[in-house]
C-alpha atoms as a PDB file:
ATOM      1  CA  UNK A   1       0.000   0.000   0.000  1.00  0.00           C
ATOM      2  CA  UNK A   2       2.798   2.432   0.843  1.00  0.00           C
ATOM      3  CA  UNK A   3       4.277   1.873  -2.595  1.00  0.00           C
ATOM      4  CA  UNK A   4       0.982   2.973  -4.138  1.00  0.00           C
ATOM      5  CA  UNK A   5       0.670   5.970  -1.846  1.00  0.00           C
ATOM      6  CA  UNK A   6       4.232   7.160  -2.538  1.00  0.00           C
ATOM      7  CA  UNK A   7       3.595   6.777  -6.270  1.00  0.00           C
ATOM      8  CA  UNK A   8       0.417   8.827  -6.014  1.00  0.00           C
ATOM      9  CA  UNK A   9       2.161  11.435  -3.868  1.00  0.00           C
ATOM     10  CA  UNK A  10       5.038  11.704  -6.334  1.00  0.00           C
ATOM     11  CA  UNK A  11       2.632  12.137  -9.249  1.00  0.00           C
ATOM     12  CA  UNK A  12       0.534  14.734  -7.420  1.00  0.00           C
ATOM     13  CA  UNK A  13       3.691  16.744  -6.685  1.00  0.00           C
ATOM     14  CA  UNK A  14       4.631  16.768 -10.362  1.00  0.00           C
ATOM     15  CA  UNK A  15       1.101  17.673 -11.412  1.00  0.00           C
ATOM     16  CA  UNK A  16       0.947  20.545  -8.942  1.00  0.00           C
ATOM     17  CA  UNK A  17       3.490  22.419 -11.046  1.00  0.00           C
ATOM     18  CA  UNK A  18       1.742  21.400 -14.265  1.00  0.00           C
ATOM     19  CA  UNK A  19      -1.436  22.956 -12.903  1.00  0.00           C
ATOM     20  CA  UNK A  20       0.365  26.254 -12.459  1.00  0.00           C
ATOM     21  CA  UNK A  21       1.263  26.120 -16.138  1.00  0.00           C
ATOM     22  CA  UNK A  22       5.055  25.992 -15.793  1.00  0.00           C
ATOM     23  CA  UNK A  23       5.813  22.326 -16.463  1.00  0.00           C
ATOM     24  CA  UNK A  24       5.290  19.743 -19.135  1.00  0.00           C
ATOM     25  CA  UNK A  25       2.940  16.840 -18.562  1.00  0.00           C
ATOM     26  CA  UNK A  26       4.455  13.982 -16.547  1.00  0.00           C
ATOM     27  CA  UNK A  27       5.759  10.959 -18.418  1.00  0.00           C
ATOM     28  CA  UNK A  28       4.084   7.572 -18.424  1.00  0.00           C
ATOM     29  CA  UNK A  29       6.892   5.965 -16.413  1.00  0.00           C
ATOM     30  CA  UNK A  30       5.342   3.479 -13.949  1.00  0.00           C
ATOM     31  CA  UNK A  31       6.432   2.867 -10.387  1.00  0.00           C
ATOM     32  CA  UNK A  32       9.964   1.522 -10.695  1.00  0.00           C
ATOM     33  CA  UNK A  33      11.775  -1.306  -8.931  1.00  0.00           C
ATOM     34  CA  UNK A  34      13.952   1.310  -7.241  1.00  0.00           C
ATOM     35  CA  UNK A  35      10.833   2.943  -5.784  1.00  0.00           C
ATOM     36  CA  UNK A  36       9.759  -0.455  -4.474  1.00  0.00           C
ATOM     37  CA  UNK A  37      13.144  -0.865  -2.798  1.00  0.00           C
ATOM     38  CA  UNK A  38      12.835   2.609  -1.323  1.00  0.00           C
ATOM     39  CA  UNK A  39       9.442   1.810   0.193  1.00  0.00           C
ATOM     40  CA  UNK A  40      10.895  -1.354   1.693  1.00  0.00           C
ATOM     41  CA  UNK A  41      13.602   0.786   3.255  1.00  0.00           C
ATOM     42  CA  UNK A  42      10.928   3.095   4.680  1.00  0.00           C
ATOM     43  CA  UNK A  43       9.119   0.158   6.224  1.00  0.00           C
ATOM     44  CA  UNK A  44      12.345  -1.151   7.743  1.00  0.00           C
ATOM     45  CA  UNK A  45      13.113   2.277   9.150  1.00  0.00           C
ATOM     46  CA  UNK A  46       9.693   2.478  10.749  1.00  0.00           C
ATOM     47  CA  UNK A  47      10.452  -0.704  12.683  1.00  0.00           C
ATOM     48  CA  UNK A  48      13.080   1.289  14.565  1.00  0.00           C
ATOM     49  CA  UNK A  49      10.798   4.222  15.371  1.00  0.00           C
ATOM     50  CA  UNK A  50      12.426   4.889  18.740  1.00  0.00           C
ATOM     51  CA  UNK A  51      15.817   5.472  17.125  1.00  0.00           C
ATOM     52  CA  UNK A  52      14.262   7.719  14.489  1.00  0.00           C
ATOM     53  CA  UNK A  53      12.542   9.713  17.210  1.00  0.00           C
ATOM     54  CA  UNK A  54      15.897  10.417  18.864  1.00  0.00           C
ATOM     55  CA  UNK A  55      17.403  11.493  15.536  1.00  0.00           C
ATOM     56  CA  UNK A  56      14.388  13.698  14.817  1.00  0.00           C
ATOM     57  CA  UNK A  57      14.779  15.437  18.159  1.00  0.00           C
ATOM     58  CA  UNK A  58      18.450  16.111  17.388  1.00  0.00           C
ATOM     59  CA  UNK A  59      17.581  17.456  13.942  1.00  0.00           C
ATOM     60  CA  UNK A  60      14.934  19.704  15.457  1.00  0.00           C
ATOM     61  CA  UNK A  61      17.508  21.199  17.826  1.00  0.00           C
ATOM     62  CA  UNK A  62      20.064  21.739  15.074  1.00  0.00           C
ATOM     63  CA  UNK A  63      17.551  23.366  12.716  1.00  0.00           C
ATOM     64  CA  UNK A  64      15.534  25.387  15.204  1.00  0.00           C
ATOM     65  CA  UNK A  65      16.739  28.529  13.413  1.00  0.00           C
ATOM     66  CA  UNK A  66      14.471  27.607  10.474  1.00  0.00           C
ATOM     67  CA  UNK A  67      11.326  27.355  12.576  1.00  0.00           C
ATOM     68  CA  UNK A  68      10.193  30.659  11.104  1.00  0.00           C
ATOM     69  CA  UNK A  69       8.865  32.177   7.897  1.00  0.00           C
ATOM     70  CA  UNK A  70      11.492  32.235   5.119  1.00  0.00           C
ATOM     71  CA  UNK A  71      10.152  34.218   2.184  1.00  0.00           C
ATOM     72  CA  UNK A  72       7.308  32.180   0.669  1.00  0.00           C
ATOM     73  CA  UNK A  73       8.080  29.100   2.795  1.00  0.00           C
ATOM     74  CA  UNK A  74       6.326  28.469   6.078  1.00  0.00           C
ATOM     75  CA  UNK A  75       7.229  26.391   9.105  1.00  0.00           C
ATOM     76  CA  UNK A  76       5.893  23.983  11.733  1.00  0.00           C
ATOM     77  CA  UNK A  77       5.861  25.496  15.216  1.00  0.00           C
ATOM     78  CA  UNK A  78       6.374  23.857  18.600  1.00  0.00           C
ATOM     79  CA  UNK A  79       2.688  22.927  18.756  1.00  0.00           C
ATOM     80  CA  UNK A  80       2.825  21.009  15.446  1.00  0.00           C
ATOM     81  CA  UNK A  81       0.902  23.744  13.653  1.00  0.00           C
ATOM     82  CA  UNK A  82       1.987  24.534  10.106  1.00  0.00           C
ATOM     83  CA  UNK A  83       2.075  28.295   9.498  1.00  0.00           C
ATOM     84  CA  UNK A  84       2.667  30.132   6.234  1.00  0.00           C
ATOM     85  CA  UNK A  85       2.441  33.873   6.698  1.00  0.00           C
ATOM     86  CA  UNK A  86       3.102  34.592   3.009  1.00  0.00           C
ATOM     87  CA  UNK A  87      -0.033  32.737   1.886  1.00  0.00           C
ATOM     88  CA  UNK A  88      -1.927  33.485   5.090  1.00  0.00           C
ATOM     89  CA  UNK A  89      -2.742  29.892   6.004  1.00  0.00           C
ATOM     90  CA  UNK A  90      -2.101  27.446   8.802  1.00  0.00           C
ATOM     91  CA  UNK A  91      -2.828  23.752   9.258  1.00  0.00           C
ATOM     92  CA  UNK A  92      -3.902  22.446  12.640  1.00  0.00           C
ATOM     93  CA  UNK A  93      -2.624  19.175  14.147  1.00  0.00           C
ATOM     94  CA  UNK A  94      -4.700  16.000  13.891  1.00  0.00           C
ATOM     95  CA  UNK A  95      -4.504  13.057  16.367  1.00  0.00           C
ATOM     96  CA  UNK A  96      -2.793  10.018  14.854  1.00  0.00           C
ATOM     97  CA  UNK A  97      -0.973  12.010  12.168  1.00  0.00           C
ATOM     98  CA  UNK A  98       2.675  12.997  11.874  1.00  0.00           C
ATOM     99  CA  UNK A  99       4.947  15.058   9.622  1.00  0.00           C
ATOM    100  CA  UNK A 100       7.039  12.826   7.398  1.00  0.00           C
ATOM    101  CA  UNK A 101      10.794  13.314   7.466  1.00  0.00           C
ATOM    102  CA  UNK A 102      12.795  15.061   4.739  1.00  0.00           C
ATOM    103  CA  UNK A 103      14.253  11.655   3.886  1.00  0.00           C
ATOM    104  CA  UNK A 104      10.874  10.123   3.085  1.00  0.00           C
ATOM    105  CA  UNK A 105       9.856  13.234   1.115  1.00  0.00           C
ATOM    106  CA  UNK A 106      13.076  12.758  -0.838  1.00  0.00           C
ATOM    107  CA  UNK A 107      11.860   9.317  -1.922  1.00  0.00           C
ATOM    108  CA  UNK A 108       9.300  11.083  -4.131  1.00  0.00           C
ATOM    109  CA  UNK A 109      12.153  12.764  -5.988  1.00  0.00           C
ATOM    110  CA  UNK A 110      11.456  16.192  -4.509  1.00  0.00           C
ATOM    111  CA  UNK A 111      13.144  18.428  -1.962  1.00  0.00           C
ATOM    112  CA  UNK A 112      11.760  19.649   1.341  1.00  0.00           C
ATOM    113  CA  UNK A 113      11.828  23.351   2.224  1.00  0.00           C
ATOM    114  CA  UNK A 114      12.093  22.630   5.960  1.00  0.00           C
ATOM    115  CA  UNK A 115      15.848  23.067   6.394  1.00  0.00           C
ATOM    116  CA  UNK A 116      16.555  25.593   3.639  1.00  0.00           C
ATOM    117  CA  UNK A 117      17.291  29.272   4.127  1.00  0.00           C
ATOM    118  CA  UNK A 118      15.329  32.004   2.343  1.00  0.00           C
ATOM    119  CA  UNK A 119      17.941  32.587  -0.369  1.00  0.00           C
ATOM    120  CA  UNK A 120      18.075  28.908  -1.326  1.00  0.00           C
ATOM    121  CA  UNK A 121      14.284  28.659  -1.323  1.00  0.00           C
ATOM    122  CA  UNK A 122      13.956  31.645  -3.648  1.00  0.00           C
ATOM    123  CA  UNK A 123      16.659  30.367  -6.012  1.00  0.00           C
ATOM    124  CA  UNK A 124      15.076  26.908  -6.135  1.00  0.00           C
ATOM    125  CA  UNK A 125      11.581  28.172  -6.879  1.00  0.00           C
ATOM    126  CA  UNK A 126      12.719  30.788  -9.379  1.00  0.00           C
ATOM    127  CA  UNK A 127      14.439  27.953 -11.268  1.00  0.00           C
ATOM    128  CA  UNK A 128      10.978  26.377 -11.613  1.00  0.00           C
ATOM    129  CA  UNK A 129      11.653  23.552  -9.199  1.00  0.00           C
ATOM    130  CA  UNK A 130       9.112  22.559  -6.580  1.00  0.00           C
ATOM    131  CA  UNK A 131       9.625  22.468  -2.835  1.00  0.00           C
ATOM    132  CA  UNK A 132       7.539  20.362  -0.500  1.00  0.00           C
ATOM    133  CA  UNK A 133       6.562  22.251   2.638  1.00  0.00           C
ATOM    134  CA  UNK A 134       5.355  19.147   4.457  1.00  0.00           C
ATOM    135  CA  UNK A 135       3.606  15.812   4.136  1.00  0.00           C
ATOM    136  CA  UNK A 136       1.236  15.225   7.076  1.00  0.00           C
ATOM    137  CA  UNK A 137       0.201  11.577   7.162  1.00  0.00           C
ATOM    138  CA  UNK A 138      -1.467   8.955   9.274  1.00  0.00           C
ATOM    139  CA  UNK A 139       0.653   6.024  10.452  1.00  0.00           C
ATOM    140  CA  UNK A 140      -0.161   3.780   7.486  1.00  0.00           C
ATOM    141  CA  UNK A 141       0.212   6.603   4.933  1.00  0.00           C
ATOM    142  CA  UNK A 142      -3.344   5.981   3.714  1.00  0.00           C
ATOM    143  CA  UNK A 143      -4.430   9.577   4.298  1.00  0.00           C
ATOM    144  CA  UNK A 144      -2.294  12.699   4.055  1.00  0.00           C
ATOM    145  CA  UNK A 145      -2.146  16.389   3.275  1.00  0.00           C
ATOM    146  CA  UNK A 146       0.729  18.278   1.706  1.00  0.00           C
ATOM    147  CA  UNK A 147       1.648  21.794   0.600  1.00  0.00           C
ATOM    148  CA  UNK A 148       3.895  22.206  -2.434  1.00  0.00           C
ATOM    149  CA  UNK A 149       5.487  25.509  -3.452  1.00  0.00           C
ATOM    150  CA  UNK A 150       6.227  26.432  -7.056  1.00  0.00           C
ATOM    151  CA  UNK A 151       6.936  29.404  -9.306  1.00  0.00           C
ATOM    152  CA  UNK A 152       4.377  30.454 -11.871  1.00  0.00           C
ATOM    153  CA  UNK A 153       3.724  33.205 -14.391  1.00  0.00           C
ATOM    154  CA  UNK A 154       4.001  36.598 -12.720  1.00  0.00           C
ATOM    155  CA  UNK A 155       0.682  37.757 -14.161  1.00  0.00           C
ATOM    156  CA  UNK A 156      -1.312  34.739 -12.973  1.00  0.00           C
ATOM    157  CA  UNK A 157      -3.873  35.690 -10.315  1.00  0.00           C
ATOM    158  CA  UNK A 158      -6.409  33.823  -8.187  1.00  0.00           C
ATOM    159  CA  UNK A 159      -9.191  34.779 -10.601  1.00  0.00           C
ATOM    160  CA  UNK A 160      -7.318  32.884 -13.343  1.00  0.00           C
ATOM    161  CA  UNK A 161      -7.395  29.589 -11.452  1.00  0.00           C
ATOM    162  CA  UNK A 162     -10.724  28.367 -12.839  1.00  0.00           C
ATOM    163  CA  UNK A 163      -9.597  28.637 -16.460  1.00  0.00           C
ATOM    164  CA  UNK A 164      -6.190  27.170 -15.626  1.00  0.00           C
ATOM    165  CA  UNK A 165      -7.870  24.178 -13.975  1.00  0.00           C
ATOM    166  CA  UNK A 166      -9.963  23.682 -17.142  1.00  0.00           C
ATOM    167  CA  UNK A 167      -6.720  23.490 -19.125  1.00  0.00           C
ATOM    168  CA  UNK A 168      -5.042  21.189 -16.624  1.00  0.00           C
ATOM    169  CA  UNK A 169      -7.748  18.546 -16.080  1.00  0.00           C
ATOM    170  CA  UNK A 170      -7.214  16.816 -19.477  1.00  0.00           C
ATOM    171  CA  UNK A 171      -3.444  16.721 -18.861  1.00  0.00           C
ATOM    172  CA  UNK A 172      -3.937  15.203 -15.416  1.00  0.00           C
ATOM    173  CA  UNK A 173      -6.465  12.698 -16.734  1.00  0.00           C
ATOM    174  CA  UNK A 174      -4.030  11.461 -19.367  1.00  0.00           C
ATOM    175  CA  UNK A 175      -1.186  11.319 -16.847  1.00  0.00           C
ATOM    176  CA  UNK A 176      -3.111   9.250 -14.312  1.00  0.00           C
ATOM    177  CA  UNK A 177      -4.383   6.892 -17.006  1.00  0.00           C
ATOM    178  CA  UNK A 178      -0.825   6.315 -18.199  1.00  0.00           C
ATOM    179  CA  UNK A 179       0.162   5.485 -14.639  1.00  0.00           C
ATOM    180  CA  UNK A 180      -2.417   2.700 -14.623  1.00  0.00           C
ATOM    181  CA  UNK A 181      -5.374   4.254 -12.807  1.00  0.00           C
ATOM    182  CA  UNK A 182      -8.753   2.686 -13.614  1.00  0.00           C
ATOM    183  CA  UNK A 183     -12.311   3.988 -13.267  1.00  0.00           C
ATOM    184  CA  UNK A 184     -10.761   7.436 -13.289  1.00  0.00           C
ATOM    185  CA  UNK A 185     -12.681  10.631 -12.636  1.00  0.00           C
ATOM    186  CA  UNK A 186     -10.675  13.863 -12.851  1.00  0.00           C
ATOM    187  CA  UNK A 187     -12.723  17.028 -12.774  1.00  0.00           C
ATOM    188  CA  UNK A 188     -12.994  20.645 -11.782  1.00  0.00           C
ATOM    189  CA  UNK A 189     -15.280  21.154  -8.826  1.00  0.00           C
ATOM    190  CA  UNK A 190     -15.595  23.300  -5.718  1.00  0.00           C
ATOM    191  CA  UNK A 191     -14.673  22.619  -2.132  1.00  0.00           C
ATOM    192  CA  UNK A 192     -15.021  24.678   1.026  1.00  0.00           C
ATOM    193  CA  UNK A 193     -11.486  25.856   1.760  1.00  0.00           C
ATOM    194  CA  UNK A 194     -10.577  28.537   4.302  1.00  0.00           C
ATOM    195  CA  UNK A 195     -14.302  29.113   4.751  1.00  0.00           C
ATOM    196  CA  UNK A 196     -14.990  29.871   1.074  1.00  0.00           C
ATOM    197  CA  UNK A 197     -16.177  27.895  -1.953  1.00  0.00           C
ATOM    198  CA  UNK A 198     -12.983  27.396  -3.937  1.00  0.00           C
ATOM    199  CA  UNK A 199     -12.339  25.840  -7.338  1.00  0.00           C
ATOM    200  CA  UNK A 200     -10.213  22.708  -7.142  1.00  0.00           C
ATOM    201  CA  UNK A 201      -9.229  19.561  -9.000  1.00  0.00           C
ATOM    202  CA  UNK A 202     -10.750  16.348  -7.727  1.00  0.00           C
ATOM    203  CA  UNK A 203      -9.383  12.939  -8.696  1.00  0.00           C
ATOM    204  CA  UNK A 204     -10.871   9.534  -7.915  1.00  0.00           C
ATOM    205  CA  UNK A 205      -9.770   6.199  -9.284  1.00  0.00           C
ATOM    206  CA  UNK A 206      -8.534   2.694  -8.680  1.00  0.00           C
ATOM    207  CA  UNK A 207      -4.823   1.895  -8.636  1.00  0.00           C
ATOM    208  CA  UNK A 208      -3.974  -1.800  -8.587  1.00  0.00           C
ATOM    209  CA  UNK A 209      -7.080  -2.631  -6.582  1.00  0.00           C
ATOM    210  CA  UNK A 210      -6.789   0.238  -4.103  1.00  0.00           C
ATOM    211  CA  UNK A 211      -9.061   3.277  -4.195  1.00  0.00           C
ATOM    212  CA  UNK A 212      -7.266   6.619  -4.162  1.00  0.00           C
ATOM    213  CA  UNK A 213      -9.028   9.971  -3.896  1.00  0.00           C
ATOM    214  CA  UNK A 214      -7.482  13.417  -3.809  1.00  0.00           C
ATOM    215  CA  UNK A 215      -8.316  17.104  -3.994  1.00  0.00           C
ATOM    216  CA  UNK A 216      -5.915  19.850  -5.115  1.00  0.00           C
ATOM    217  CA  UNK A 217      -6.460  23.509  -4.168  1.00  0.00           C
ATOM    218  CA  UNK A 218      -4.280  26.366  -5.415  1.00  0.00           C
ATOM    219  CA  UNK A 219      -3.246  29.575  -3.688  1.00  0.00           C
ATOM    220  CA  UNK A 220      -1.629  32.312  -5.790  1.00  0.00           C
ATOM    221  CA  UNK A 221       0.390  35.308  -4.665  1.00  0.00           C
ATOM    222  CA  UNK A 222       3.086  37.492  -6.255  1.00  0.00           C
ATOM    223  CA  UNK A 223       4.207  34.960  -8.838  1.00  0.00           C
ATOM    224  CA  UNK A 224       4.194  31.928  -6.520  1.00  0.00           C
ATOM    225  CA  UNK A 225       1.776  29.057  -6.041  1.00  0.00           C
ATOM    226  CA  UNK A 226       1.033  26.916  -2.984  1.00  0.00           C
ATOM    227  CA  UNK A 227      -0.720  23.711  -3.983  1.00  0.00           C
ATOM    228  CA  UNK A 228      -2.628  22.084  -1.148  1.00  0.00           C
ATOM    229  CA  UNK A 229      -3.208  18.402  -1.874  1.00  0.00           C
ATOM    230  CA  UNK A 230      -5.296  16.128   0.317  1.00  0.00           C
ATOM    231  CA  UNK A 231      -5.494  12.402  -0.371  1.00  0.00           C
ATOM    232  CA  UNK A 232      -7.697  10.100   1.666  1.00  0.00           C
ATOM    233  CA  UNK A 233      -9.616   6.841   1.588  1.00  0.00           C
ATOM    234  CA  UNK A 234     -13.050   8.472   1.862  1.00  0.00           C
ATOM    235  CA  UNK A 235     -14.787  11.749   1.084  1.00  0.00           C
ATOM    236  CA  UNK A 236     -15.344  12.267   4.802  1.00  0.00           C
ATOM    237  CA  UNK A 237     -11.626  12.027   5.554  1.00  0.00           C
ATOM    238  CA  UNK A 238     -10.814  14.378   2.689  1.00  0.00           C
ATOM    239  CA  UNK A 239     -13.171  16.971   4.119  1.00  0.00           C
ATOM    240  CA  UNK A 240     -11.702  16.463   7.593  1.00  0.00           C
ATOM    241  CA  UNK A 241      -8.148  17.087   6.385  1.00  0.00           C
ATOM    242  CA  UNK A 242      -9.209  20.118   4.338  1.00  0.00           C
ATOM    243  CA  UNK A 243     -10.957  21.575   7.383  1.00  0.00           C
ATOM    244  CA  UNK A 244      -7.626  21.588   9.270  1.00  0.00           C
ATOM    245  CA  UNK A 245      -6.474  24.437   6.993  1.00  0.00           C
ATOM    246  CA  UNK A 246      -7.552  27.773   8.422  1.00  0.00           C
ATOM    247  CA  UNK A 247      -6.688  31.416   7.719  1.00  0.00           C
ATOM    248  CA  UNK A 248      -4.066  33.050   9.908  1.00  0.00           C
ATOM    249  CA  UNK A 249      -5.852  35.454  12.214  1.00  0.00           C
END
């Protein structure tokens, strides 16, 4: 199952930049043997959770200086609340969930913003590379939320999102079908996000016998995009994870 979830997460990260109009459509490369080996390594690492916890605490101490806003990138505070002052959002903690390590995020082929300084973050994004702010997952990695930062066209505004989604849905549909998803539904719809009805992309399908459902919401400001992706087993869990995102007061 974790192999399937990591594959879906990796694809959603790639498609988040496609949706902002600054990347080509993903290839039809399936989940590779190397990805399978990586997931096995993740599972082995989780068997030594106590040791990882000690390492995580050390890393937290060493990188405490980055527990603050760095340009467009947010941070996770001491209460496990994600805060992004640039986009004006925060994500509240949820019992039974945890933030995945930079190492596991790296298995998707993408970099985490957590331990980068503002200059490096800006250079990375301005080179049209994505940065993953966080992946917040339950223990089995069946349900998660993530925020992905990317650069976009400077003149793109929030009011352009609906038309951009219309352009992106066919690309995403083709990409997921090439990855082997069956009974696929990929569509533009609306979801209540930050207390408002917001256009989003909703994907539902079957991957190797396992149902996967996700919603992607886009926030635009000053030439940058924050893609909020929520994947869950049921519609109820999707709505629960989306409701954890609230405006910064």
